[in-house]
Amino acid sequence: MQISANAFSAGLSAIKAGQEQMTSAAQAIAMQSSATSASAAATPAVDMVQITEQLMQLEQAKQMSQLGARVLSSADEALGTLIDTQA
């Protein structure tokens, strides 16, 4: 039973970390977009590199959240099998 609790905890932690990373990257993109709008002298190439990096962070956050969901699903399935076996 303890292993299952650890798996649930790991899955939830991965989802939470993914959400936090996604929030951070989205805020950085929004701030970059508004800063670019305010400053006409900004270099577009530098802005695109920074936005691309943040988009990569968003993709990484999505994958981390999906991984956490898979861990939760596997832990739930294992716990269900354990309960069925015990009954």
C-alpha atoms as a PDB file:
ATOM      1  CA  MET A   1       0.000   0.000   0.000  1.00  0.00           C
ATOM      2  CA  GLN A   2       2.870   2.372   0.726  1.00  0.00           C
ATOM      3  CA  ILE A   3       4.273   1.923  -2.780  1.00  0.00           C
ATOM      4  CA  SER A   4       0.941   2.949  -4.259  1.00  0.00           C
ATOM      5  CA  ALA A   5       0.809   6.072  -2.079  1.00  0.00           C
ATOM      6  CA  ASN A   6       4.302   6.988  -3.272  1.00  0.00           C
ATOM      7  CA  ALA A   7       3.262   6.489  -6.888  1.00  0.00           C
ATOM      8  CA  PHE A   8       0.231   8.729  -6.415  1.00  0.00           C
ATOM      9  CA  SER A   9       2.439  11.341  -4.777  1.00  0.00           C
ATOM     10  CA  ALA A  10       4.991  11.183  -7.598  1.00  0.00           C
ATOM     11  CA  GLY A  11       2.267  11.522 -10.220  1.00  0.00           C
ATOM     12  CA  LEU A  12       0.694  14.507  -8.507  1.00  0.00           C
ATOM     13  CA  SER A  13       4.107  16.133  -8.045  1.00  0.00           C
ATOM     14  CA  ALA A  14       4.871  15.753 -11.753  1.00  0.00           C
ATOM     15  CA  ILE A  15       1.532  17.284 -12.714  1.00  0.00           C
ATOM     16  CA  LYS A  16       2.039  20.178 -10.296  1.00  0.00           C
ATOM     17  CA  ALA A  17       5.578  20.814 -11.576  1.00  0.00           C
ATOM     18  CA  GLY A  18       4.288  20.760 -15.151  1.00  0.00           C
ATOM     19  CA  GLN A  19       1.565  23.265 -14.317  1.00  0.00           C
ATOM     20  CA  GLU A  20       4.021  25.591 -12.590  1.00  0.00           C
ATOM     21  CA  GLN A  21       6.447  25.410 -15.519  1.00  0.00           C
ATOM     22  CA  MET A  22       3.601  26.033 -17.955  1.00  0.00           C
ATOM     23  CA  THR A  23       2.435  29.076 -15.998  1.00  0.00           C
ATOM     24  CA  SER A  24       5.951  30.485 -15.867  1.00  0.00           C
ATOM     25  CA  ALA A  25       6.561  30.007 -19.596  1.00  0.00           C
ATOM     26  CA  ALA A  26       3.171  31.468 -20.536  1.00  0.00           C
ATOM     27  CA  GLN A  27       3.802  34.529 -18.369  1.00  0.00           C
ATOM     28  CA  ALA A  28       7.243  34.992 -19.944  1.00  0.00           C
ATOM     29  CA  ILE A  29       5.710  34.838 -23.430  1.00  0.00           C
ATOM     30  CA  ALA A  30       3.020  37.341 -22.462  1.00  0.00           C
ATOM     31  CA  MET A  31       5.571  39.713 -20.930  1.00  0.00           C
ATOM     32  CA  GLN A  32       7.849  39.385 -23.971  1.00  0.00           C
ATOM     33  CA  SER A  33       4.957  40.076 -26.327  1.00  0.00           C
ATOM     34  CA  SER A  34       3.866  43.185 -24.435  1.00  0.00           C
ATOM     35  CA  ALA A  35       7.466  44.438 -24.147  1.00  0.00           C
ATOM     36  CA  THR A  36       7.945  43.984 -27.892  1.00  0.00           C
ATOM     37  CA  SER A  37       4.753  45.907 -28.603  1.00  0.00           C
ATOM     38  CA  ALA A  38       5.858  48.763 -26.361  1.00  0.00           C
ATOM     39  CA  SER A  39       9.347  48.998 -27.861  1.00  0.00           C
ATOM     40  CA  ALA A  40       9.523  49.386 -31.630  1.00  0.00           C
ATOM     41  CA  ALA A  41      13.347  49.327 -31.522  1.00  0.00           C
ATOM     42  CA  ALA A  42      13.509  45.734 -30.232  1.00  0.00           C
ATOM     43  CA  THR A  43      15.400  43.230 -32.352  1.00  0.00           C
ATOM     44  CA  PRO A  44      12.862  40.756 -33.799  1.00  0.00           C
ATOM     45  CA  ALA A  45      15.389  37.905 -34.090  1.00  0.00           C
ATOM     46  CA  VAL A  46      16.230  38.036 -30.376  1.00  0.00           C
ATOM     47  CA  ASP A  47      12.541  38.169 -29.498  1.00  0.00           C
ATOM     48  CA  MET A  48      11.816  35.115 -31.643  1.00  0.00           C
ATOM     49  CA  VAL A  49      14.618  33.153 -29.974  1.00  0.00           C
ATOM     50  CA  GLN A  50      13.248  33.958 -26.527  1.00  0.00           C
ATOM     51  CA  ILE A  51       9.694  33.115 -27.533  1.00  0.00           C
ATOM     52  CA  THR A  52      10.874  29.868 -29.130  1.00  0.00           C
ATOM     53  CA  GLU A  53      12.652  28.915 -25.901  1.00  0.00           C
ATOM     54  CA  GLN A  54       9.475  29.593 -23.925  1.00  0.00           C
ATOM     55  CA  LEU A  55       7.415  27.545 -26.383  1.00  0.00           C
ATOM     56  CA  MET A  56       9.852  24.681 -25.845  1.00  0.00           C
ATOM     57  CA  GLN A  57       9.317  25.100 -22.094  1.00  0.00           C
ATOM     58  CA  LEU A  58       5.556  24.875 -22.677  1.00  0.00           C
ATOM     59  CA  GLU A  59       5.981  21.625 -24.606  1.00  0.00           C
ATOM     60  CA  GLN A  60       8.213  20.238 -21.865  1.00  0.00           C
ATOM     61  CA  ALA A  61       5.617  21.203 -19.241  1.00  0.00           C
ATOM     62  CA  LYS A  62       2.888  19.469 -21.257  1.00  0.00           C
ATOM     63  CA  GLN A  63       4.936  16.288 -21.448  1.00  0.00           C
ATOM     64  CA  MET A  64       5.683  16.420 -17.718  1.00  0.00           C
ATOM     65  CA  SER A  65       1.977  16.761 -16.918  1.00  0.00           C
ATOM     66  CA  GLN A  66       1.109  13.896 -19.262  1.00  0.00           C
ATOM     67  CA  LEU A  67       3.751  11.741 -17.612  1.00  0.00           C
ATOM     68  CA  GLY A  68       2.291  12.526 -14.191  1.00  0.00           C
ATOM     69  CA  ALA A  69      -1.162  11.566 -15.446  1.00  0.00           C
ATOM     70  CA  ARG A  70       0.196   8.244 -16.731  1.00  0.00           C
ATOM     71  CA  VAL A  71       1.851   7.560 -13.379  1.00  0.00           C
ATOM     72  CA  LEU A  72      -1.435   8.286 -11.592  1.00  0.00           C
ATOM     73  CA  SER A  73      -3.317   6.047 -13.999  1.00  0.00           C
ATOM     74  CA  SER A  74      -0.838   3.202 -13.518  1.00  0.00           C
ATOM     75  CA  ALA A  75      -0.931   3.573  -9.735  1.00  0.00           C
ATOM     76  CA  ASP A  76      -4.731   3.577  -9.799  1.00  0.00           C
ATOM     77  CA  GLU A  77      -4.765   0.474 -11.978  1.00  0.00           C
ATOM     78  CA  ALA A  78      -2.239  -1.297  -9.734  1.00  0.00           C
ATOM     79  CA  LEU A  79      -4.235  -0.417  -6.636  1.00  0.00           C
ATOM     80  CA  GLY A  80      -7.422  -1.703  -8.288  1.00  0.00           C
ATOM     81  CA  THR A  81      -5.691  -4.969  -9.165  1.00  0.00           C
ATOM     82  CA  LEU A  82      -4.372  -5.268  -5.613  1.00  0.00           C
ATOM     83  CA  ILE A  83      -7.842  -4.715  -4.163  1.00  0.00           C
ATOM     84  CA  ASP A  84      -9.364  -7.245  -6.588  1.00  0.00           C
ATOM     85  CA  THR A  85      -6.682  -9.782  -5.635  1.00  0.00           C
ATOM     86  CA  GLN A  86      -7.217  -9.250  -1.904  1.00  0.00           C
ATOM     87  CA  ALA A  87     -11.002  -9.589  -2.219  1.00  0.00           C
END
